[in-house]
Amino acid sequence: MSLHIHLGLYGKFADGELPAPAPVGQLRMRMSGDAHWLELRGPTACEVLSPVEVDAVRLRLGQDPLRDDADALTAYRKVGSSSKALFALLLDQTVVAGCGLIYATEVLFRAGLAPTTPARAIDAAQWVDIWDDLRALMKEGVVRGRIDTVHTAHTPETMRRAPRVDRHGGEVYVYRRPGQPCLVCESPILRKEMAGRNLYWCATCQKVRKGR
């Protein structure tokens, strides 16, 4: 049997040395060993799966940027032939596993592409550039425990303002900043919905490319 956990946006682990504190609120999982305890709160999923169920989960997932054995070009086989918006495919777990809304939004800003750009408008080399940037951002997020996507040249110190405070805990270019000035060109950040998800982008810095 295997434990399957999807942290989602709100899932969080906590741990410490024994004795463990008394349970407070809604816990999804608590584990303890000889000297330490570990608990989990707020995940999207926390379930025990059989080997068959584990195989089914793995089969339906796409390439995971956090895995060193993931292949960007395997993901591109689904991207390069699709007329769907690039933003939508970055969020499609059968294409890219674990990207999430913030990373999808921010990596497209960093690539200079509007979120509505048709996926097939980019070639394999451009996709690999996006993949490599996404992979670096996600790996950094794991290490730092927060999502930071802003280049060093655009840090709060350079912008002469207080650090951004948000539930994801880091600095971002466009995510949840509608109406605010772009950190690069000062154009207002735009927002609209796509399939129930909010898009955020800068129309000056991010251009829509037509399909090939």
N, C-alpha and C. Protein backbone atom coordinates (compact mmCIF):
# COMPACT_ATOMS: atom_id res chain seq x y z
N MET A 1 0.84 -1.19 0.00
CA MET A 1 0.00 0.00 0.00
C MET A 1 0.88 1.26 0.00
N SER A 2 0.37 2.33 -0.59
CA SER A 2 1.12 3.59 -0.69
C SER A 2 0.25 4.75 -0.21
N LEU A 3 0.90 5.73 0.36
CA LEU A 3 0.20 6.95 0.79
C LEU A 3 0.30 7.99 -0.32
N HIS A 4 -0.83 8.44 -0.81
CA HIS A 4 -0.88 9.44 -1.87
C HIS A 4 -1.33 10.77 -1.28
N ILE A 5 -0.47 11.79 -1.41
CA ILE A 5 -0.78 13.12 -0.88
C ILE A 5 -0.64 14.16 -1.98
N HIS A 6 -1.65 14.99 -2.12
CA HIS A 6 -1.58 16.16 -3.01
C HIS A 6 -1.79 17.37 -2.12
N LEU A 7 -0.73 18.15 -1.91
CA LEU A 7 -0.84 19.27 -0.98
C LEU A 7 -1.80 20.35 -1.47
N GLY A 8 -1.88 20.55 -2.81
CA GLY A 8 -2.70 21.64 -3.31
C GLY A 8 -2.16 22.98 -2.83
N LEU A 9 -3.02 23.98 -2.72
CA LEU A 9 -2.58 25.32 -2.33
C LEU A 9 -2.45 25.47 -0.82
N TYR A 10 -3.22 24.70 -0.07
CA TYR A 10 -3.28 24.93 1.36
C TYR A 10 -2.64 23.84 2.20
N GLY A 11 -2.30 22.71 1.60
CA GLY A 11 -1.72 21.62 2.37
C GLY A 11 -0.37 21.99 2.98
N LYS A 12 -0.14 21.55 4.20
CA LYS A 12 1.10 21.90 4.88
C LYS A 12 1.47 20.83 5.91
N PHE A 13 2.75 20.47 5.93
CA PHE A 13 3.28 19.57 6.94
C PHE A 13 3.84 20.37 8.11
N ALA A 14 3.78 19.77 9.27
CA ALA A 14 4.47 20.29 10.45
C ALA A 14 5.12 19.12 11.16
N ASP A 15 6.25 19.35 11.84
CA ASP A 15 6.91 18.26 12.52
C ASP A 15 7.67 18.78 13.73
N GLY A 16 8.10 17.86 14.57
CA GLY A 16 8.85 18.25 15.76
C GLY A 16 9.28 17.03 16.54
N GLU A 17 9.96 17.29 17.64
CA GLU A 17 10.42 16.21 18.50
C GLU A 17 9.30 15.80 19.46
N LEU A 18 9.28 14.52 19.81
CA LEU A 18 8.32 14.02 20.79
C LEU A 18 8.62 14.63 22.17
N PRO A 19 7.59 14.82 22.99
CA PRO A 19 6.20 14.42 22.78
C PRO A 19 5.46 15.37 21.84
N ALA A 20 4.54 14.82 21.05
CA ALA A 20 3.75 15.62 20.12
C ALA A 20 2.71 16.43 20.89
N PRO A 21 2.40 17.63 20.42
CA PRO A 21 1.36 18.43 21.07
C PRO A 21 0.00 17.78 20.88
N ALA A 22 -0.94 18.15 21.69
CA ALA A 22 -2.30 17.63 21.57
C ALA A 22 -2.89 18.06 20.23
N PRO A 23 -3.61 17.19 19.54
CA PRO A 23 -4.22 17.56 18.25
C PRO A 23 -5.16 18.75 18.38
N VAL A 24 -5.03 19.69 17.48
CA VAL A 24 -5.89 20.87 17.46
C VAL A 24 -6.47 21.03 16.06
N GLY A 25 -7.77 21.28 15.96
CA GLY A 25 -8.39 21.47 14.65
C GLY A 25 -8.49 20.17 13.87
N GLN A 26 -8.59 20.31 12.56
CA GLN A 26 -8.79 19.15 11.69
C GLN A 26 -7.45 18.67 11.12
N LEU A 27 -7.02 17.54 11.58
CA LEU A 27 -5.82 16.89 11.06
C LEU A 27 -6.21 15.86 10.02
N ARG A 28 -5.46 15.79 8.92
CA ARG A 28 -5.70 14.73 7.95
C ARG A 28 -4.80 13.53 8.22
N MET A 29 -3.64 13.78 8.86
CA MET A 29 -2.73 12.68 9.11
C MET A 29 -1.77 13.07 10.23
N ARG A 30 -1.46 12.11 11.10
CA ARG A 30 -0.39 12.30 12.08
C ARG A 30 0.40 11.00 12.17
N MET A 31 1.74 11.13 12.12
CA MET A 31 2.63 9.98 12.23
C MET A 31 3.67 10.28 13.31
N SER A 32 4.16 9.24 13.97
CA SER A 32 5.20 9.45 14.97
C SER A 32 6.16 8.27 14.96
N GLY A 33 7.42 8.55 15.29
CA GLY A 33 8.44 7.52 15.39
C GLY A 33 8.99 7.47 16.79
N ASP A 34 10.24 7.09 16.90
CA ASP A 34 10.85 6.98 18.21
C ASP A 34 11.14 8.34 18.84
N ALA A 35 11.39 9.33 18.00
CA ALA A 35 11.80 10.63 18.55
C ALA A 35 11.06 11.82 17.95
N HIS A 36 10.39 11.64 16.80
CA HIS A 36 9.77 12.78 16.12
C HIS A 36 8.32 12.48 15.73
N TRP A 37 7.56 13.56 15.50
CA TRP A 37 6.19 13.45 15.01
C TRP A 37 6.05 14.28 13.73
N LEU A 38 5.06 13.92 12.93
CA LEU A 38 4.78 14.61 11.66
C LEU A 38 3.27 14.67 11.49
N GLU A 39 2.74 15.83 11.11
CA GLU A 39 1.31 15.93 10.87
C GLU A 39 1.03 16.73 9.60
N LEU A 40 -0.15 16.49 9.05
CA LEU A 40 -0.55 17.10 7.78
C LEU A 40 -1.91 17.73 7.92
N ARG A 41 -2.04 18.96 7.41
CA ARG A 41 -3.31 19.67 7.42
C ARG A 41 -3.60 20.24 6.03
N GLY A 42 -4.87 20.29 5.67
CA GLY A 42 -5.33 21.02 4.51
C GLY A 42 -4.97 20.52 3.13
N PRO A 43 -4.59 19.24 2.94
CA PRO A 43 -4.22 18.82 1.59
C PRO A 43 -5.45 18.63 0.71
N THR A 44 -5.23 18.71 -0.59
CA THR A 44 -6.31 18.40 -1.52
C THR A 44 -6.65 16.91 -1.47
N ALA A 45 -5.62 16.07 -1.29
CA ALA A 45 -5.84 14.62 -1.19
C ALA A 45 -4.88 14.02 -0.18
N CYS A 46 -5.37 13.06 0.57
CA CYS A 46 -4.55 12.27 1.49
C CYS A 46 -5.23 10.92 1.60
N GLU A 47 -4.69 9.91 0.92
CA GLU A 47 -5.37 8.63 0.82
C GLU A 47 -4.39 7.49 0.68
N VAL A 48 -4.81 6.32 1.15
CA VAL A 48 -4.01 5.11 1.02
C VAL A 48 -4.46 4.37 -0.23
N LEU A 49 -3.49 4.05 -1.11
CA LEU A 49 -3.81 3.43 -2.39
C LEU A 49 -3.17 2.05 -2.51
N SER A 50 -3.86 1.18 -3.21
CA SER A 50 -3.29 -0.14 -3.53
C SER A 50 -2.30 0.02 -4.68
N PRO A 51 -1.46 -0.98 -4.93
CA PRO A 51 -0.52 -0.90 -6.06
C PRO A 51 -1.21 -0.63 -7.39
N VAL A 52 -2.37 -1.22 -7.61
CA VAL A 52 -3.11 -0.99 -8.85
C VAL A 52 -3.55 0.46 -8.94
N GLU A 53 -4.02 1.02 -7.82
CA GLU A 53 -4.46 2.42 -7.81
C GLU A 53 -3.28 3.37 -8.01
N VAL A 54 -2.12 3.01 -7.45
CA VAL A 54 -0.92 3.83 -7.66
C VAL A 54 -0.54 3.87 -9.13
N ASP A 55 -0.59 2.72 -9.79
CA ASP A 55 -0.27 2.66 -11.22
C ASP A 55 -1.23 3.52 -12.03
N ALA A 56 -2.51 3.51 -11.64
CA ALA A 56 -3.52 4.30 -12.35
C ALA A 56 -3.24 5.80 -12.20
N VAL A 57 -2.83 6.22 -11.01
CA VAL A 57 -2.50 7.63 -10.79
C VAL A 57 -1.30 8.04 -11.65
N ARG A 58 -0.28 7.20 -11.66
CA ARG A 58 0.93 7.51 -12.42
C ARG A 58 0.66 7.56 -13.92
N LEU A 59 -0.19 6.70 -14.40
CA LEU A 59 -0.48 6.65 -15.83
C LEU A 59 -1.20 7.90 -16.31
N ARG A 60 -2.01 8.49 -15.44
CA ARG A 60 -2.77 9.66 -15.90
C ARG A 60 -2.02 10.98 -15.70
N LEU A 61 -0.84 10.92 -15.06
CA LEU A 61 -0.07 12.14 -14.85
C LEU A 61 0.92 12.39 -15.98
N GLY A 62 1.15 13.67 -16.28
CA GLY A 62 2.13 14.04 -17.28
C GLY A 62 3.52 14.11 -16.68
N GLN A 63 4.42 14.76 -17.38
CA GLN A 63 5.80 14.91 -16.93
C GLN A 63 5.87 15.89 -15.75
N ASP A 64 6.66 15.54 -14.75
CA ASP A 64 6.78 16.33 -13.53
C ASP A 64 8.09 17.11 -13.55
N PRO A 65 8.03 18.46 -13.61
CA PRO A 65 9.26 19.25 -13.68
C PRO A 65 10.20 19.04 -12.49
N LEU A 66 9.69 18.57 -11.37
CA LEU A 66 10.53 18.36 -10.20
C LEU A 66 11.34 17.07 -10.28
N ARG A 67 10.97 16.18 -11.18
CA ARG A 67 11.69 14.92 -11.32
C ARG A 67 12.86 15.08 -12.28
N ASP A 68 14.01 14.57 -11.88
CA ASP A 68 15.20 14.68 -12.72
C ASP A 68 15.10 13.82 -13.98
N ASP A 69 14.23 12.81 -13.95
CA ASP A 69 14.08 11.95 -15.13
C ASP A 69 12.92 12.38 -16.04
N ALA A 70 12.31 13.51 -15.74
CA ALA A 70 11.20 14.00 -16.58
C ALA A 70 11.75 14.48 -17.93
N ASP A 71 10.92 14.37 -18.96
CA ASP A 71 11.35 14.69 -20.32
C ASP A 71 10.46 15.79 -20.90
N ALA A 72 11.05 16.96 -21.14
CA ALA A 72 10.30 18.09 -21.68
C ALA A 72 9.70 17.78 -23.04
N LEU A 73 10.41 17.03 -23.87
CA LEU A 73 9.93 16.75 -25.22
C LEU A 73 8.78 15.76 -25.23
N THR A 74 8.72 14.90 -24.21
CA THR A 74 7.54 14.02 -24.08
C THR A 74 6.30 14.86 -23.83
N ALA A 75 6.42 15.86 -22.98
CA ALA A 75 5.30 16.78 -22.74
C ALA A 75 4.97 17.57 -24.00
N TYR A 76 6.00 17.94 -24.77
CA TYR A 76 5.76 18.75 -25.96
C TYR A 76 4.96 18.00 -27.02
N ARG A 77 5.01 16.70 -27.02
CA ARG A 77 4.22 15.94 -27.99
C ARG A 77 2.73 16.23 -27.84
N LYS A 78 2.30 16.54 -26.63
CA LYS A 78 0.90 16.92 -26.41
C LYS A 78 0.69 18.41 -26.63
N VAL A 79 1.73 19.19 -26.39
CA VAL A 79 1.62 20.64 -26.51
C VAL A 79 1.65 21.08 -27.98
N GLY A 80 2.60 20.56 -28.74
CA GLY A 80 2.84 21.03 -30.09
C GLY A 80 1.71 20.80 -31.06
N SER A 81 0.82 19.86 -30.74
CA SER A 81 -0.29 19.56 -31.66
C SER A 81 -1.62 20.12 -31.16
N SER A 82 -1.59 20.90 -30.09
CA SER A 82 -2.84 21.36 -29.48
C SER A 82 -3.15 22.81 -29.84
N SER A 83 -4.44 23.08 -30.07
CA SER A 83 -4.88 24.44 -30.31
C SER A 83 -5.35 25.11 -29.02
N LYS A 84 -5.28 24.40 -27.91
CA LYS A 84 -5.68 24.97 -26.62
C LYS A 84 -4.69 26.05 -26.20
N ALA A 85 -5.15 26.92 -25.31
CA ALA A 85 -4.28 27.96 -24.78
C ALA A 85 -3.13 27.33 -24.01
N LEU A 86 -1.96 27.92 -24.16
CA LEU A 86 -0.78 27.41 -23.47
C LEU A 86 -1.00 27.38 -21.96
N PHE A 87 -1.67 28.38 -21.43
CA PHE A 87 -1.99 28.43 -20.01
C PHE A 87 -2.77 27.20 -19.57
N ALA A 88 -3.76 26.80 -20.38
CA ALA A 88 -4.59 25.65 -20.03
C ALA A 88 -3.78 24.36 -20.02
N LEU A 89 -2.85 24.21 -20.95
CA LEU A 89 -2.06 22.99 -20.99
C LEU A 89 -1.05 22.92 -19.85
N LEU A 90 -0.54 24.06 -19.41
CA LEU A 90 0.35 24.06 -18.26
C LEU A 90 -0.38 23.59 -16.99
N LEU A 91 -1.68 23.84 -16.95
CA LEU A 91 -2.48 23.42 -15.80
C LEU A 91 -3.06 22.02 -15.97
N ASP A 92 -2.92 21.43 -17.14
CA ASP A 92 -3.44 20.09 -17.41
C ASP A 92 -2.47 19.07 -16.81
N GLN A 93 -2.91 18.37 -15.78
CA GLN A 93 -2.03 17.44 -15.07
C GLN A 93 -1.62 16.25 -15.93
N THR A 94 -2.32 16.00 -17.01
CA THR A 94 -1.91 14.92 -17.92
C THR A 94 -0.77 15.37 -18.84
N VAL A 95 -0.49 16.67 -18.86
CA VAL A 95 0.59 17.22 -19.67
C VAL A 95 1.79 17.58 -18.79
N VAL A 96 1.53 18.42 -17.79
CA VAL A 96 2.57 18.84 -16.82
C VAL A 96 2.03 18.58 -15.42
N ALA A 97 2.68 17.73 -14.69
CA ALA A 97 2.21 17.37 -13.35
C ALA A 97 2.71 18.37 -12.32
N GLY A 98 1.77 18.98 -11.58
CA GLY A 98 2.14 19.78 -10.42
C GLY A 98 2.46 21.23 -10.66
N CYS A 99 2.21 21.76 -11.86
CA CYS A 99 2.59 23.14 -12.15
C CYS A 99 1.80 24.12 -11.28
N GLY A 100 0.49 24.11 -11.33
CA GLY A 100 -0.33 25.00 -10.52
C GLY A 100 -0.53 26.37 -11.13
N LEU A 101 -1.54 27.07 -10.61
CA LEU A 101 -1.98 28.34 -11.19
C LEU A 101 -0.90 29.43 -11.14
N ILE A 102 -0.23 29.55 -10.01
CA ILE A 102 0.75 30.63 -9.87
C ILE A 102 1.92 30.42 -10.82
N TYR A 103 2.46 29.21 -10.83
CA TYR A 103 3.60 28.95 -11.71
C TYR A 103 3.22 29.09 -13.18
N ALA A 104 2.04 28.60 -13.56
CA ALA A 104 1.60 28.73 -14.95
C ALA A 104 1.50 30.19 -15.36
N THR A 105 0.94 31.00 -14.49
CA THR A 105 0.80 32.43 -14.76
C THR A 105 2.15 33.12 -14.89
N GLU A 106 3.03 32.85 -13.94
CA GLU A 106 4.30 33.56 -13.86
C GLU A 106 5.31 33.12 -14.91
N VAL A 107 5.34 31.81 -15.21
CA VAL A 107 6.32 31.34 -16.19
C VAL A 107 5.99 31.89 -17.58
N LEU A 108 4.72 32.12 -17.87
CA LEU A 108 4.35 32.70 -19.15
C LEU A 108 4.72 34.18 -19.22
N PHE A 109 4.61 34.88 -18.10
CA PHE A 109 5.10 36.26 -18.10
C PHE A 109 6.60 36.28 -18.38
N ARG A 110 7.33 35.43 -17.70
CA ARG A 110 8.78 35.40 -17.86
C ARG A 110 9.18 35.02 -19.27
N ALA A 111 8.30 34.26 -19.96
CA ALA A 111 8.57 33.87 -21.35
C ALA A 111 8.09 34.92 -22.35
N GLY A 112 7.37 35.92 -21.88
CA GLY A 112 6.85 36.96 -22.77
C GLY A 112 5.70 36.50 -23.63
N LEU A 113 4.94 35.52 -23.15
CA LEU A 113 3.81 34.96 -23.90
C LEU A 113 2.50 35.20 -23.18
N ALA A 114 1.49 35.68 -23.90
CA ALA A 114 0.17 35.83 -23.32
C ALA A 114 -0.39 34.46 -22.97
N PRO A 115 -1.17 34.35 -21.89
CA PRO A 115 -1.71 33.05 -21.50
C PRO A 115 -2.65 32.44 -22.53
N THR A 116 -3.22 33.27 -23.40
CA THR A 116 -4.15 32.77 -24.43
C THR A 116 -3.44 32.30 -25.69
N THR A 117 -2.13 32.38 -25.73
CA THR A 117 -1.37 31.92 -26.89
C THR A 117 -1.67 30.45 -27.19
N PRO A 118 -2.05 30.10 -28.43
CA PRO A 118 -2.27 28.69 -28.75
C PRO A 118 -1.00 27.88 -28.53
N ALA A 119 -1.12 26.73 -27.92
CA ALA A 119 0.05 25.92 -27.58
C ALA A 119 0.88 25.59 -28.82
N ARG A 120 0.22 25.30 -29.93
CA ARG A 120 0.96 24.90 -31.13
C ARG A 120 1.68 26.06 -31.79
N ALA A 121 1.54 27.29 -31.22
CA ALA A 121 2.24 28.44 -31.78
C ALA A 121 3.70 28.47 -31.38
N ILE A 122 4.09 27.65 -30.42
CA ILE A 122 5.49 27.63 -30.00
C ILE A 122 6.14 26.34 -30.49
N ASP A 123 7.42 26.43 -30.81
CA ASP A 123 8.14 25.24 -31.28
C ASP A 123 8.78 24.50 -30.09
N ALA A 124 9.42 23.40 -30.38
CA ALA A 124 9.98 22.56 -29.32
C ALA A 124 11.04 23.30 -28.51
N ALA A 125 11.88 24.08 -29.17
CA ALA A 125 12.93 24.81 -28.46
C ALA A 125 12.34 25.83 -27.48
N GLN A 126 11.28 26.51 -27.92
CA GLN A 126 10.63 27.47 -27.03
C GLN A 126 9.98 26.77 -25.84
N TRP A 127 9.39 25.60 -26.10
CA TRP A 127 8.79 24.84 -25.01
C TRP A 127 9.85 24.40 -24.01
N VAL A 128 10.99 23.97 -24.48
CA VAL A 128 12.07 23.53 -23.58
C VAL A 128 12.54 24.71 -22.73
N ASP A 129 12.60 25.90 -23.30
CA ASP A 129 12.97 27.09 -22.51
C ASP A 129 11.95 27.32 -21.39
N ILE A 130 10.66 27.23 -21.72
CA ILE A 130 9.62 27.40 -20.70
C ILE A 130 9.74 26.32 -19.64
N TRP A 131 9.92 25.07 -20.09
CA TRP A 131 10.06 23.94 -19.18
C TRP A 131 11.24 24.13 -18.22
N ASP A 132 12.37 24.52 -18.76
CA ASP A 132 13.57 24.68 -17.93
C ASP A 132 13.37 25.79 -16.89
N ASP A 133 12.70 26.87 -17.30
CA ASP A 133 12.43 27.96 -16.36
C ASP A 133 11.46 27.50 -15.28
N LEU A 134 10.39 26.79 -15.69
CA LEU A 134 9.41 26.27 -14.74
C LEU A 134 10.08 25.32 -13.76
N ARG A 135 10.90 24.46 -14.28
CA ARG A 135 11.61 23.49 -13.44
C ARG A 135 12.48 24.19 -12.39
N ALA A 136 13.20 25.21 -12.81
CA ALA A 136 14.05 25.95 -11.87
C ALA A 136 13.22 26.66 -10.81
N LEU A 137 12.11 27.28 -11.23
CA LEU A 137 11.25 27.98 -10.27
C LEU A 137 10.64 27.02 -9.25
N MET A 138 10.16 25.88 -9.73
CA MET A 138 9.53 24.92 -8.83
C MET A 138 10.55 24.32 -7.86
N LYS A 139 11.73 24.02 -8.35
CA LYS A 139 12.77 23.47 -7.46
C LYS A 139 13.17 24.51 -6.40
N GLU A 140 13.26 25.76 -6.81
CA GLU A 140 13.57 26.81 -5.85
C GLU A 140 12.46 26.95 -4.82
N GLY A 141 11.20 26.80 -5.28
CA GLY A 141 10.07 26.88 -4.36
C GLY A 141 10.10 25.81 -3.29
N VAL A 142 10.53 24.61 -3.68
CA VAL A 142 10.65 23.51 -2.71
C VAL A 142 11.69 23.85 -1.66
N VAL A 143 12.82 24.37 -2.09
CA VAL A 143 13.91 24.68 -1.17
C VAL A 143 13.55 25.84 -0.24
N ARG A 144 12.92 26.89 -0.80
CA ARG A 144 12.65 28.10 -0.02
C ARG A 144 11.32 28.05 0.71
N GLY A 145 10.43 27.14 0.32
CA GLY A 145 9.14 27.04 0.99
C GLY A 145 8.18 28.15 0.61
N ARG A 146 8.42 28.82 -0.50
CA ARG A 146 7.51 29.85 -0.98
C ARG A 146 7.74 30.02 -2.48
N ILE A 147 6.80 30.69 -3.14
CA ILE A 147 6.89 30.87 -4.58
C ILE A 147 7.41 32.27 -4.89
N ASP A 148 8.63 32.35 -5.39
CA ASP A 148 9.22 33.60 -5.84
C ASP A 148 9.52 33.48 -7.33
N THR A 149 9.02 34.44 -8.11
CA THR A 149 9.23 34.36 -9.56
C THR A 149 9.86 35.63 -10.13
N VAL A 150 10.18 36.59 -9.30
CA VAL A 150 10.68 37.88 -9.77
C VAL A 150 12.19 37.87 -9.89
N HIS A 151 12.68 38.35 -11.02
CA HIS A 151 14.12 38.44 -11.25
C HIS A 151 14.78 39.35 -10.22
N THR A 152 16.06 39.12 -9.95
CA THR A 152 16.79 39.89 -8.96
C THR A 152 16.71 41.40 -9.24
N ALA A 153 16.73 41.77 -10.51
CA ALA A 153 16.70 43.20 -10.85
C ALA A 153 15.40 43.88 -10.47
N HIS A 154 14.35 43.09 -10.20
CA HIS A 154 13.05 43.65 -9.87
C HIS A 154 12.64 43.31 -8.45
N THR A 155 13.60 43.15 -7.55
CA THR A 155 13.30 42.84 -6.16
C THR A 155 12.64 44.02 -5.48
N PRO A 156 11.99 43.80 -4.32
CA PRO A 156 11.36 44.92 -3.60
C PRO A 156 12.33 46.06 -3.29
N GLU A 157 13.59 45.72 -3.01
CA GLU A 157 14.55 46.76 -2.72
C GLU A 157 14.75 47.68 -3.93
N THR A 158 14.86 47.07 -5.11
CA THR A 158 15.01 47.85 -6.34
C THR A 158 13.76 48.67 -6.62
N MET A 159 12.57 48.08 -6.34
CA MET A 159 11.31 48.76 -6.61
C MET A 159 10.95 49.76 -5.51
N ARG A 160 11.73 49.80 -4.43
CA ARG A 160 11.50 50.74 -3.34
C ARG A 160 10.10 50.60 -2.76
N ARG A 161 9.72 49.40 -2.48
CA ARG A 161 8.43 49.15 -1.82
C ARG A 161 8.59 47.96 -0.89
N ALA A 162 7.63 47.81 0.00
CA ALA A 162 7.66 46.68 0.94
C ALA A 162 7.44 45.38 0.19
N PRO A 163 8.00 44.27 0.67
CA PRO A 163 7.77 42.97 0.02
C PRO A 163 6.29 42.64 -0.04
N ARG A 164 5.89 42.01 -1.12
CA ARG A 164 4.51 41.59 -1.30
C ARG A 164 4.14 40.55 -0.24
N VAL A 165 2.92 40.64 0.29
CA VAL A 165 2.43 39.67 1.26
C VAL A 165 1.23 38.97 0.64
N ASP A 166 1.31 37.66 0.47
CA ASP A 166 0.23 36.89 -0.13
C ASP A 166 0.28 35.49 0.46
N ARG A 167 -0.79 34.70 0.23
CA ARG A 167 -0.83 33.39 0.84
C ARG A 167 0.22 32.44 0.28
N HIS A 168 0.74 32.73 -0.92
CA HIS A 168 1.81 31.89 -1.45
C HIS A 168 3.17 32.33 -0.93
N GLY A 169 3.25 33.52 -0.32
CA GLY A 169 4.43 33.92 0.42
C GLY A 169 5.61 34.43 -0.35
N GLY A 170 5.46 34.84 -1.61
CA GLY A 170 6.62 35.29 -2.36
C GLY A 170 6.30 36.43 -3.31
N GLU A 171 7.32 36.82 -4.06
CA GLU A 171 7.19 37.92 -5.01
C GLU A 171 6.78 37.39 -6.38
N VAL A 172 5.79 38.05 -7.00
CA VAL A 172 5.28 37.64 -8.30
C VAL A 172 5.16 38.86 -9.21
N TYR A 173 5.15 38.60 -10.52
CA TYR A 173 5.00 39.67 -11.50
C TYR A 173 3.54 40.06 -11.73
N VAL A 174 2.69 39.08 -12.00
CA VAL A 174 1.32 39.41 -12.42
C VAL A 174 0.23 38.69 -11.63
N TYR A 175 0.51 37.57 -11.02
CA TYR A 175 -0.51 36.79 -10.33
C TYR A 175 -1.20 37.61 -9.25
N ARG A 176 -2.54 37.71 -9.34
CA ARG A 176 -3.38 38.43 -8.39
C ARG A 176 -2.96 39.90 -8.23
N ARG A 177 -2.53 40.51 -9.36
CA ARG A 177 -2.16 41.93 -9.33
C ARG A 177 -2.96 42.74 -10.35
N PRO A 178 -4.25 42.44 -10.58
CA PRO A 178 -5.00 43.18 -11.61
C PRO A 178 -5.09 44.66 -11.29
N GLY A 179 -4.87 45.48 -12.33
CA GLY A 179 -4.95 46.92 -12.17
C GLY A 179 -3.69 47.56 -11.63
N GLN A 180 -2.80 46.78 -11.07
CA GLN A 180 -1.53 47.31 -10.56
C GLN A 180 -0.52 47.43 -11.71
N PRO A 181 0.46 48.30 -11.57
CA PRO A 181 1.44 48.48 -12.66
C PRO A 181 2.36 47.27 -12.79
N CYS A 182 2.65 46.91 -14.02
CA CYS A 182 3.62 45.87 -14.30
C CYS A 182 4.97 46.26 -13.69
N LEU A 183 5.66 45.32 -13.09
CA LEU A 183 6.94 45.61 -12.46
C LEU A 183 8.04 45.91 -13.47
N VAL A 184 7.77 45.60 -14.76
CA VAL A 184 8.78 45.83 -15.80
C VAL A 184 8.47 47.08 -16.61
N CYS A 185 7.21 47.20 -17.09
CA CYS A 185 6.88 48.30 -18.00
C CYS A 185 5.86 49.29 -17.44
N GLU A 186 5.26 48.98 -16.30
CA GLU A 186 4.29 49.82 -15.61
C GLU A 186 2.91 49.86 -16.27
N SER A 187 2.67 49.05 -17.30
CA SER A 187 1.31 48.92 -17.84
C SER A 187 0.44 48.22 -16.81
N PRO A 188 -0.88 48.50 -16.79
CA PRO A 188 -1.74 47.84 -15.80
C PRO A 188 -1.87 46.34 -16.09
N ILE A 189 -1.81 45.54 -15.06
CA ILE A 189 -1.99 44.10 -15.19
C ILE A 189 -3.46 43.81 -15.46
N LEU A 190 -3.71 42.90 -16.42
CA LEU A 190 -5.06 42.56 -16.83
C LEU A 190 -5.51 41.25 -16.20
N ARG A 191 -6.84 41.06 -16.15
CA ARG A 191 -7.39 39.81 -15.63
C ARG A 191 -8.63 39.43 -16.42
N LYS A 192 -8.80 38.14 -16.68
CA LYS A 192 -10.03 37.61 -17.24
C LYS A 192 -10.13 36.14 -16.87
N GLU A 193 -11.30 35.56 -17.08
CA GLU A 193 -11.50 34.15 -16.73
C GLU A 193 -11.34 33.26 -17.94
N MET A 194 -10.81 32.06 -17.71
CA MET A 194 -10.75 31.01 -18.72
C MET A 194 -11.09 29.70 -18.03
N ALA A 195 -12.21 29.12 -18.42
CA ALA A 195 -12.64 27.84 -17.85
C ALA A 195 -12.65 27.87 -16.33
N GLY A 196 -13.16 28.99 -15.78
CA GLY A 196 -13.28 29.10 -14.34
C GLY A 196 -12.01 29.47 -13.60
N ARG A 197 -10.91 29.72 -14.33
CA ARG A 197 -9.65 30.11 -13.69
C ARG A 197 -9.32 31.54 -14.10
N ASN A 198 -8.75 32.29 -13.19
CA ASN A 198 -8.36 33.66 -13.48
C ASN A 198 -7.03 33.71 -14.22
N LEU A 199 -7.00 34.48 -15.31
CA LEU A 199 -5.76 34.77 -16.02
C LEU A 199 -5.27 36.15 -15.60
N TYR A 200 -3.98 36.29 -15.41
CA TYR A 200 -3.37 37.58 -15.14
C TYR A 200 -2.19 37.75 -16.10
N TRP A 201 -2.10 38.90 -16.75
CA TRP A 201 -1.00 39.11 -17.68
C TRP A 201 -0.82 40.59 -17.98
N CYS A 202 0.33 40.90 -18.57
CA CYS A 202 0.64 42.25 -19.03
C CYS A 202 0.58 42.26 -20.55
N ALA A 203 -0.32 43.07 -21.10
CA ALA A 203 -0.50 43.08 -22.56
C ALA A 203 0.71 43.66 -23.29
N THR A 204 1.52 44.43 -22.58
CA THR A 204 2.71 45.01 -23.20
C THR A 204 3.87 44.02 -23.23
N CYS A 205 4.09 43.33 -22.10
CA CYS A 205 5.22 42.42 -21.99
C CYS A 205 4.92 41.03 -22.58
N GLN A 206 3.64 40.68 -22.66
CA GLN A 206 3.25 39.34 -23.12
C GLN A 206 2.44 39.44 -24.40
N LYS A 207 2.93 38.84 -25.45
CA LYS A 207 2.28 38.90 -26.75
C LYS A 207 1.63 37.58 -27.12
N VAL A 208 0.52 37.65 -27.82
CA VAL A 208 -0.14 36.44 -28.35
C VAL A 208 0.50 36.07 -29.66
N ARG A 209 0.92 34.84 -29.78
CA ARG A 209 1.48 34.34 -31.05
C ARG A 209 0.43 33.52 -31.77
N LYS A 210 0.37 33.67 -33.06
CA LYS A 210 -0.59 32.92 -33.86
C LYS A 210 -0.08 31.49 -34.07
N GLY A 211 -1.01 30.59 -34.33
CA GLY A 211 -0.66 29.20 -34.55
C GLY A 211 0.23 29.03 -35.76
N ARG A 212 1.10 27.98 -35.69
CA ARG A 212 2.00 27.69 -36.82
C ARG A 212 1.24 27.00 -37.93
